[in-house]
Amino acid sequence: MHRRSFLTSLAGLVIAGPAAAQMKHGIGGMGSHSNHNMLMVGTNPILPEVQLLKALPRLSNQSAVPGVFKAELAAEPGFVRFAEGLDTPVLLYNGTNPVIEAREGDRIEISFKNRIPGEPTTIHWHGMPVPADQDGNPNDPVAPGGERIYAFDLPEGSAASYWFHPHPHGLTAEQVYRGLAGIFIVKPKDDPIPSEYGDTVLMLTDLRINAVGTMPQSTMPDLMNGRVGDHVLVNGQKNPAMPVALGEKRRLRLYNATNARFLRLKFENASMIVVGTDGGLIEAPVAVDELLLTPAERVELIVSFDKPGAAILTTLDYERGWMGPSKPNEAGMILLTANVSEEAVAAMPPLPAKLRSIEPLGNPIVTRRFVLRQHVDAGYGSLQHVHIFREHGDEVPDQRQ
């Protein structure tokens, strides 16, 4: 199949499927196609900035049994006022983006209800070591109006920064950029990070709304690259303010919960030390000047605020390989402003030189090697051949595409 034909077919499938359902039911404020065209130019609302950073709400544990976390979650439509005077239709868990906090070894029982009209959904526990039948995969949807219980145990050594989001077939990206996301923190039994550093969650999302506050339909570049919004938000706010004292060290958990945005980040007037990634704490802290956070990726930082004034978390340019027009300008976005006071904090305990022991995997042993190559016909842009070579160099016959 020619590449152009494939992309056209893809667009048709997306618009005829989920988007058609949106236009029929009005879910997510997507409106009609004609309204979308009229609102495309010069209609980007101004979002307020430098408001005090809001903490995401914690989901309360309804269990009185030690070592058991039990709660209820509902995926449902709601409204958020991102811009003055505009109420944007969104999808939320319990009317918000909640944080679940548990400890390794705990039993988790989540009673889930799907209150999204006309759409199946699931809860996918992103990155967590849970049984496949509890992981909200596309083959296990919860029908509109349906409910189920997700139950699993957190094994020893699973402490890390996770998050959860929907994973229904054909609707995952849309339900995520419409707002369905939550944070799941699994704490270790013995945390080596000093408690004086706090534990601040920063969930990064992006947003595109039009003049009336609704989310316009995805464009062809969105379908080819993934939908990238006009605004990057932290805990639902644009460039919120975080007051800190001079000399303070903060533990920050950053979550890239955007649909498709690559974030190359730098903290100006503050120093960053990486202490954890998707798999939890690393063995020893690593000082960095910048870091790349890809969609769904997480990182734990210790940030030291040693200079008075504004310390800003900003974006640098990153070339991810964009197809088509409307390539976003990724550089120079201010995501968070930390206002560092001139009053120094009391001396804070040092960060341990070793955070945990990680058993080496050992030297890899190559048992077989495959090299994939493709040939593209310049005249039609179609994929003509895929060559597969085995380790000993014999070529497998072409697999026509």
Protein backbone atom coordinates (compact mmCIF):
# COMPACT_ATOMS: atom_id res chain seq x y z
CA MET A 1 0.00 0.00 0.00
CA HIS A 2 1.29 3.48 -0.86
CA ARG A 3 2.27 5.67 2.11
CA ARG A 4 -0.10 8.47 1.04
CA SER A 5 -2.95 6.02 0.69
CA PHE A 6 -2.16 4.58 4.11
CA LEU A 7 -2.23 8.00 5.80
CA THR A 8 -5.47 8.92 4.03
CA SER A 9 -7.02 5.65 5.14
CA LEU A 10 -5.78 6.26 8.69
CA ALA A 11 -7.40 9.69 8.74
CA GLY A 12 -10.63 8.21 7.47
CA LEU A 13 -10.64 5.53 10.14
CA VAL A 14 -9.99 8.01 12.93
CA ILE A 15 -12.62 10.50 11.79
CA ALA A 16 -15.20 7.83 10.94
CA GLY A 17 -14.66 6.10 14.27
CA PRO A 18 -13.99 8.01 17.51
CA ALA A 19 -14.37 11.50 16.01
CA ALA A 20 -17.73 10.60 14.49
CA ALA A 21 -18.88 9.41 17.89
CA GLN A 22 -17.72 12.69 19.42
CA MET A 23 -19.65 14.74 16.90
CA LYS A 24 -22.75 12.62 17.49
CA HIS A 25 -22.67 12.77 21.27
CA GLY A 26 -20.81 16.06 21.78
CA ILE A 27 -18.33 14.39 24.11
CA GLY A 28 -15.23 16.40 24.91
CA GLY A 29 -16.61 19.54 23.27
CA MET A 30 -15.28 18.58 19.85
CA GLY A 31 -18.24 20.06 18.01
CA SER A 32 -18.91 19.80 14.28
CA HIS A 33 -16.30 19.86 11.57
CA SER A 34 -17.53 23.20 10.18
CA ASN A 35 -17.34 24.85 13.59
CA HIS A 36 -13.82 23.48 14.00
CA ASN A 37 -12.71 25.13 10.73
CA MET A 38 -14.17 28.50 11.72
CA LEU A 39 -12.31 28.45 15.05
CA MET A 40 -8.88 27.42 13.82
CA VAL A 41 -7.26 30.83 13.19
CA GLY A 42 -6.39 33.41 15.83
CA THR A 43 -8.51 31.86 18.55
CA ASN A 44 -6.01 30.54 21.07
CA PRO A 45 -7.24 31.67 24.51
CA ILE A 46 -4.81 33.18 27.01
CA LEU A 47 -4.28 31.02 30.09
CA PRO A 48 -3.40 32.66 33.43
CA GLU A 49 0.18 32.11 34.63
CA VAL A 50 2.26 32.23 37.82
CA GLN A 51 -0.59 31.20 40.07
CA LEU A 52 0.38 29.20 43.15
CA LEU A 53 1.12 25.56 42.27
CA LYS A 54 -1.73 23.29 43.28
CA ALA A 55 -1.08 19.81 44.60
CA LEU A 56 -3.02 17.04 42.92
CA PRO A 57 -5.56 15.54 45.34
CA ARG A 58 -4.79 12.23 47.05
CA LEU A 59 -7.23 9.35 46.69
CA SER A 60 -8.32 8.29 50.17
CA ASN A 61 -7.82 4.74 51.33
CA GLN A 62 -11.20 3.27 52.33
CA SER A 63 -9.65 0.20 53.93
CA ALA A 64 -8.96 -0.10 57.65
CA VAL A 65 -6.87 -3.23 57.10
CA PRO A 66 -3.09 -2.62 57.27
CA GLY A 67 -1.38 -3.31 53.95
CA VAL A 68 -4.58 -2.98 51.90
CA PHE A 69 -5.43 0.05 49.75
CA LYS A 70 -9.06 0.14 48.66
CA ALA A 71 -10.76 2.97 46.77
CA GLU A 72 -13.33 3.84 44.11
CA LEU A 73 -12.55 5.46 40.77
CA ALA A 74 -14.95 6.69 38.09
CA ALA A 75 -14.07 7.92 34.60
CA GLU A 76 -16.56 10.66 33.83
CA PRO A 77 -17.15 13.88 31.88
CA GLY A 78 -16.49 17.15 33.65
CA PHE A 79 -15.48 20.76 33.12
CA VAL A 80 -12.26 22.64 33.88
CA ARG A 81 -11.78 26.42 33.65
CA PHE A 82 -8.35 26.72 32.03
CA ALA A 83 -9.00 30.25 30.69
CA GLU A 84 -11.04 33.07 32.20
CA GLY A 85 -14.75 32.69 31.43
CA LEU A 86 -14.34 29.42 29.51
CA ASP A 87 -15.42 26.04 30.84
CA THR A 88 -13.71 23.27 28.87
CA PRO A 89 -15.42 19.86 28.65
CA VAL A 90 -12.93 17.17 29.72
CA LEU A 91 -12.74 13.62 31.04
CA LEU A 92 -11.54 13.05 34.61
CA TYR A 93 -11.18 10.41 37.32
CA ASN A 94 -13.48 11.34 40.22
CA GLY A 95 -13.64 14.85 38.83
CA THR A 96 -9.88 15.39 38.99
CA ASN A 97 -6.43 13.83 38.33
CA PRO A 98 -5.94 11.92 41.58
CA VAL A 99 -2.80 10.57 43.23
CA ILE A 100 -2.74 7.06 44.68
CA GLU A 101 0.03 6.38 47.18
CA ALA A 102 0.77 2.90 48.48
CA ARG A 103 3.77 0.86 49.62
CA GLU A 104 5.47 -2.13 48.08
CA GLY A 105 3.87 -5.26 49.45
CA ASP A 106 0.40 -3.66 49.66
CA ARG A 107 -2.78 -5.20 48.25
CA ILE A 108 -4.61 -2.84 45.85
CA GLU A 109 -8.36 -3.05 45.21
CA ILE A 110 -9.89 -0.40 42.95
CA SER A 111 -13.62 -0.43 42.21
CA PHE A 112 -13.94 1.24 38.81
CA LYS A 113 -16.99 2.65 37.00
CA ASN A 114 -17.15 3.88 33.41
CA ARG A 115 -19.45 6.90 33.26
CA ILE A 116 -18.32 8.09 29.83
CA PRO A 117 -21.41 8.15 27.58
CA GLY A 118 -21.03 5.98 24.49
CA GLU A 119 -17.37 5.00 24.96
CA PRO A 120 -15.61 1.99 26.46
CA THR A 121 -12.57 2.62 28.62
CA THR A 122 -10.15 0.87 30.97
CA ILE A 123 -7.57 1.68 33.62
CA HIS A 124 -4.04 0.80 32.53
CA TRP A 125 -1.50 0.86 35.37
CA HIS A 126 1.39 2.19 33.30
CA GLY A 127 4.66 0.43 34.05
CA MET A 128 3.42 -1.37 37.15
CA PRO A 129 4.17 -5.08 37.62
CA VAL A 130 0.56 -6.26 37.70
CA PRO A 131 -1.10 -9.39 36.23
CA ALA A 132 -2.12 -9.03 32.59
CA ASP A 133 -5.81 -9.55 33.37
CA GLN A 134 -5.69 -6.58 35.78
CA ASP A 135 -3.80 -4.17 33.53
CA GLY A 136 -6.70 -2.64 31.60
CA ASN A 137 -5.57 -3.78 28.17
CA PRO A 138 -7.63 -3.01 25.02
CA ASN A 139 -9.03 -6.57 24.96
CA ASP A 140 -10.64 -6.08 28.37
CA PRO A 141 -12.80 -2.95 28.03
CA VAL A 142 -15.33 -1.66 30.53
CA ALA A 143 -18.48 -0.78 28.60
CA PRO A 144 -20.27 2.56 29.09
CA GLY A 145 -22.15 2.32 32.36
CA GLY A 146 -20.18 -0.79 33.33
CA GLU A 147 -17.93 -1.44 36.27
CA ARG A 148 -15.25 -3.84 37.46
CA ILE A 149 -12.70 -4.33 40.22
CA TYR A 150 -8.96 -4.11 39.57
CA ALA A 151 -7.08 -6.10 42.23
CA PHE A 152 -3.37 -6.86 42.49
CA ASP A 153 -0.43 -7.02 44.89
CA LEU A 154 2.58 -4.71 44.74
CA PRO A 155 5.66 -6.96 44.88
CA GLU A 156 8.75 -6.22 46.91
CA GLY A 157 11.12 -3.97 44.99
CA SER A 158 8.34 -2.31 42.98
CA ALA A 159 8.70 1.16 44.55
CA ALA A 160 8.69 3.75 41.75
CA SER A 161 6.77 6.58 40.08
CA TYR A 162 3.91 5.17 38.01
CA TRP A 163 0.77 6.61 36.50
CA PHE A 164 -2.56 5.32 35.21
CA HIS A 165 -4.62 6.15 32.16
CA PRO A 166 -7.21 4.58 29.82
CA HIS A 167 -6.25 2.03 27.19
CA PRO A 168 -9.34 1.24 25.08
CA HIS A 169 -8.78 0.23 21.48
CA GLY A 170 -8.85 3.23 19.14
CA LEU A 171 -9.64 5.73 21.91
CA THR A 172 -6.54 5.73 24.12
CA ALA A 173 -4.85 8.90 22.83
CA GLU A 174 -8.08 10.86 22.70
CA GLN A 175 -9.20 9.96 26.21
CA VAL A 176 -5.74 10.86 27.52
CA TYR A 177 -5.55 14.29 25.88
CA ARG A 178 -9.11 14.95 27.02
CA GLY A 179 -7.83 14.61 30.59
CA LEU A 180 -7.95 11.02 31.85
CA ALA A 181 -4.76 10.50 33.85
CA GLY A 182 -3.75 9.87 37.42
CA ILE A 183 -0.57 9.33 39.44
CA PHE A 184 0.40 6.15 41.29
CA ILE A 185 3.33 6.37 43.72
CA VAL A 186 4.66 3.17 45.23
CA LYS A 187 6.85 3.95 48.23
CA PRO A 188 9.66 1.70 49.49
CA LYS A 189 9.56 0.36 53.01
CA ASP A 190 12.75 2.30 53.74
CA ASP A 191 13.12 5.48 51.70
CA PRO A 192 16.73 6.72 51.46
CA ILE A 193 15.68 10.19 50.29
CA PRO A 194 15.56 12.55 53.31
CA SER A 195 11.96 13.40 54.24
CA GLU A 196 12.99 17.06 54.59
CA TYR A 197 13.10 17.23 50.78
CA GLY A 198 9.34 16.67 50.56
CA ASP A 199 7.79 14.75 47.66
CA THR A 200 6.26 17.02 45.02
CA VAL A 201 4.33 15.61 42.05
CA LEU A 202 4.51 17.55 38.78
CA MET A 203 2.21 16.05 36.14
CA LEU A 204 2.95 17.52 32.70
CA THR A 205 0.09 17.61 30.20
CA ASP A 206 -0.67 19.70 27.15
CA LEU A 207 -3.83 21.35 25.98
CA ARG A 208 -5.40 22.74 22.82
CA ILE A 209 -8.64 24.68 23.13
CA ASN A 210 -10.43 27.14 20.85
CA ALA A 211 -12.19 30.46 21.39
CA VAL A 212 -15.18 28.89 23.12
CA GLY A 213 -13.03 26.68 25.32
CA THR A 214 -13.68 23.35 23.61
CA MET A 215 -11.07 20.95 22.20
CA PRO A 216 -10.96 21.10 18.39
CA GLN A 217 -10.70 17.99 16.28
CA SER A 218 -7.30 16.54 15.49
CA THR A 219 -5.61 17.67 12.30
CA MET A 220 -3.73 15.60 9.74
CA PRO A 221 -0.36 16.45 11.40
CA ASP A 222 -1.92 15.24 14.67
CA LEU A 223 -2.82 11.93 13.06
CA MET A 224 0.69 11.52 11.66
CA ASN A 225 2.73 12.70 14.68
CA GLY A 226 0.43 12.47 17.65
CA ARG A 227 -1.59 15.37 19.00
CA VAL A 228 0.59 18.13 20.49
CA GLY A 229 -1.24 20.91 22.34
CA ASP A 230 -0.71 24.67 22.37
CA HIS A 231 -0.10 24.85 26.12
CA VAL A 232 2.01 22.66 28.40
CA LEU A 233 0.48 22.49 31.87
CA VAL A 234 1.84 21.45 35.27
CA ASN A 235 -0.84 19.91 37.50
CA GLY A 236 -3.38 21.50 35.17
CA GLN A 237 -1.86 25.01 35.41
CA LYS A 238 0.21 27.05 33.00
CA ASN A 239 3.58 28.07 34.47
CA PRO A 240 2.51 27.86 38.13
CA ALA A 241 4.61 29.42 40.90
CA MET A 242 6.32 27.37 43.62
CA PRO A 243 7.75 29.25 46.61
CA VAL A 244 10.96 27.81 48.07
CA ALA A 245 13.56 28.96 50.55
CA LEU A 246 17.17 29.73 49.69
CA GLY A 247 19.25 26.57 49.98
CA GLU A 248 16.21 24.30 49.95
CA LYS A 249 16.35 20.90 48.28
CA ARG A 250 13.15 19.55 46.74
CA ARG A 251 12.28 16.05 45.61
CA LEU A 252 10.31 16.47 42.39
CA ARG A 253 8.56 13.65 40.54
CA LEU A 254 8.04 14.64 36.90
CA TYR A 255 5.49 12.75 34.79
CA ASN A 256 5.19 13.30 31.04
CA ALA A 257 1.46 12.61 30.73
CA THR A 258 1.15 14.35 27.37
CA ASN A 259 -0.26 12.48 24.41
CA ALA A 260 2.77 12.85 22.14
CA ARG A 261 5.12 15.62 23.28
CA PHE A 262 8.87 15.14 23.81
CA LEU A 263 10.12 17.47 26.56
CA ARG A 264 13.79 18.42 26.76
CA LEU A 265 14.02 20.15 30.12
CA LYS A 266 16.41 22.45 31.93
CA PHE A 267 16.18 24.16 35.33
CA GLU A 268 17.67 27.66 35.12
CA ASN A 269 19.24 29.01 38.34
CA ALA A 270 18.87 25.65 40.06
CA SER A 271 20.78 22.38 39.94
CA MET A 272 19.26 18.98 39.12
CA ILE A 273 20.25 15.53 40.36
CA VAL A 274 18.51 12.46 38.96
CA VAL A 275 17.70 9.92 41.68
CA GLY A 276 15.04 7.82 39.95
CA THR A 277 13.52 6.84 36.62
CA ASP A 278 10.59 4.71 35.44
CA GLY A 279 11.95 1.70 37.32
CA GLY A 280 12.39 3.46 40.64
CA LEU A 281 15.47 4.78 42.41
CA ILE A 282 18.76 4.38 40.61
CA GLU A 283 21.83 3.07 42.41
CA ALA A 284 23.62 6.41 42.84
CA PRO A 285 22.57 10.04 42.22
CA VAL A 286 23.60 11.61 38.88
CA ALA A 287 23.95 15.36 38.37
CA VAL A 288 22.56 16.60 35.01
CA ASP A 289 22.27 19.94 33.22
CA GLU A 290 19.25 18.87 31.18
CA LEU A 291 17.09 15.82 30.58
CA LEU A 292 14.73 14.43 27.95
CA LEU A 293 11.32 13.25 29.09
CA THR A 294 9.44 11.33 26.40
CA PRO A 295 5.68 10.66 26.43
CA ALA A 296 4.68 8.52 29.45
CA GLU A 297 8.21 8.71 30.94
CA ARG A 298 8.89 9.61 34.58
CA VAL A 299 11.89 10.91 36.46
CA GLU A 300 12.69 11.73 40.09
CA LEU A 301 14.88 14.76 40.72
CA ILE A 302 16.48 16.44 43.67
CA VAL A 303 16.58 20.14 42.79
CA SER A 304 18.74 22.49 44.86
CA PHE A 305 17.68 26.14 44.96
CA ASP A 306 20.91 27.91 45.89
CA LYS A 307 20.31 31.29 44.21
CA PRO A 308 17.67 33.84 45.22
CA GLY A 309 15.18 35.00 42.60
CA ALA A 310 13.34 33.06 39.91
CA ALA A 311 14.43 29.52 39.04
CA ILE A 312 12.50 28.37 35.98
CA LEU A 313 11.86 24.95 34.52
CA THR A 314 12.07 25.56 30.80
CA THR A 315 12.13 23.60 27.55
CA LEU A 316 14.93 23.32 25.02
CA ASP A 317 14.55 22.55 21.33
CA TYR A 318 14.32 18.90 20.38
CA GLU A 319 14.15 17.40 16.90
CA ARG A 320 11.95 14.33 17.19
CA GLY A 321 11.36 13.92 13.45
CA TRP A 322 8.17 15.75 12.48
CA MET A 323 6.04 14.74 9.48
CA GLY A 324 4.12 17.40 7.58
CA PRO A 325 3.40 21.05 8.44
CA SER A 326 2.65 22.77 11.75
CA LYS A 327 5.83 21.65 13.52
CA PRO A 328 5.59 23.06 17.07
CA ASN A 329 8.31 25.29 18.47
CA GLU A 330 9.46 23.36 21.51
CA ALA A 331 12.09 25.79 22.83
CA GLY A 332 11.61 28.47 25.45
CA MET A 333 8.40 27.32 27.12
CA ILE A 334 8.41 28.10 30.84
CA LEU A 335 6.70 25.24 32.64
CA LEU A 336 7.25 26.19 36.29
CA THR A 337 8.62 29.19 38.17
CA ALA A 338 10.21 28.55 41.55
CA ASN A 339 10.41 31.79 43.52
CA VAL A 340 13.47 31.45 45.75
CA SER A 341 13.37 33.70 48.80
CA GLU A 342 16.44 35.49 50.17
CA GLU A 343 15.84 33.89 53.57
CA ALA A 344 17.93 30.74 53.87
CA VAL A 345 16.46 27.48 55.06
CA ALA A 346 18.02 25.58 57.96
CA ALA A 347 20.75 23.18 56.92
CA MET A 348 19.25 20.19 55.13
CA PRO A 349 20.57 16.63 55.39
CA PRO A 350 22.81 15.50 52.53
CA LEU A 351 21.64 13.18 49.79
CA PRO A 352 23.06 9.65 50.32
CA ALA A 353 25.84 8.66 47.93
CA LYS A 354 24.11 5.30 47.38
CA LEU A 355 20.35 4.94 47.07
CA ARG A 356 19.99 1.19 46.62
CA SER A 357 21.77 -1.88 45.29
CA ILE A 358 20.93 -3.04 41.77
CA GLU A 359 22.16 -6.46 40.77
CA PRO A 360 24.14 -6.36 37.50
CA LEU A 361 22.57 -8.13 34.55
CA GLY A 362 25.90 -9.57 33.48
CA ASN A 363 27.48 -9.52 30.04
CA PRO A 364 25.00 -10.03 27.20
CA ILE A 365 25.25 -13.17 25.12
CA VAL A 366 24.24 -12.74 21.50
CA THR A 367 22.27 -15.78 20.38
CA ARG A 368 20.99 -14.32 17.11
CA ARG A 369 20.90 -10.97 15.38
CA PHE A 370 18.39 -9.52 12.92
CA VAL A 371 18.96 -6.46 10.75
CA LEU A 372 15.89 -4.84 9.18
CA ARG A 373 16.26 -2.68 6.10
CA GLN A 374 13.67 -0.98 3.96
CA HIS A 375 13.61 0.44 0.47
CA VAL A 376 11.31 3.36 -0.29
CA ASP A 377 10.18 4.10 -3.84
CA ALA A 378 10.86 7.83 -4.29
CA GLY A 379 8.15 8.14 -6.92
CA TYR A 380 5.26 6.96 -4.79
CA GLY A 381 6.62 7.01 -1.25
CA SER A 382 5.63 3.39 -0.79
CA LEU A 383 7.51 0.74 1.14
CA GLN A 384 8.63 -1.81 -1.44
CA HIS A 385 10.95 -4.25 0.31
CA VAL A 386 11.93 -5.34 3.78
CA HIS A 387 15.16 -7.35 3.97
CA ILE A 388 15.84 -9.56 6.98
CA PHE A 389 19.39 -10.77 7.60
CA ARG A 390 20.24 -13.41 10.14
CA GLU A 391 23.40 -13.32 12.19
CA HIS A 392 25.35 -15.55 9.79
CA GLY A 393 24.53 -13.22 6.89
CA ASP A 394 22.03 -15.25 4.87
CA GLU A 395 19.26 -13.14 3.43
CA VAL A 396 15.65 -14.12 3.89
CA PRO A 397 13.46 -13.50 0.79
CA ASP A 398 11.81 -10.09 0.55
CA GLN A 399 8.63 -9.58 2.56
CA ARG A 400 6.44 -7.45 0.30
CA GLN A 401 4.41 -4.73 2.04
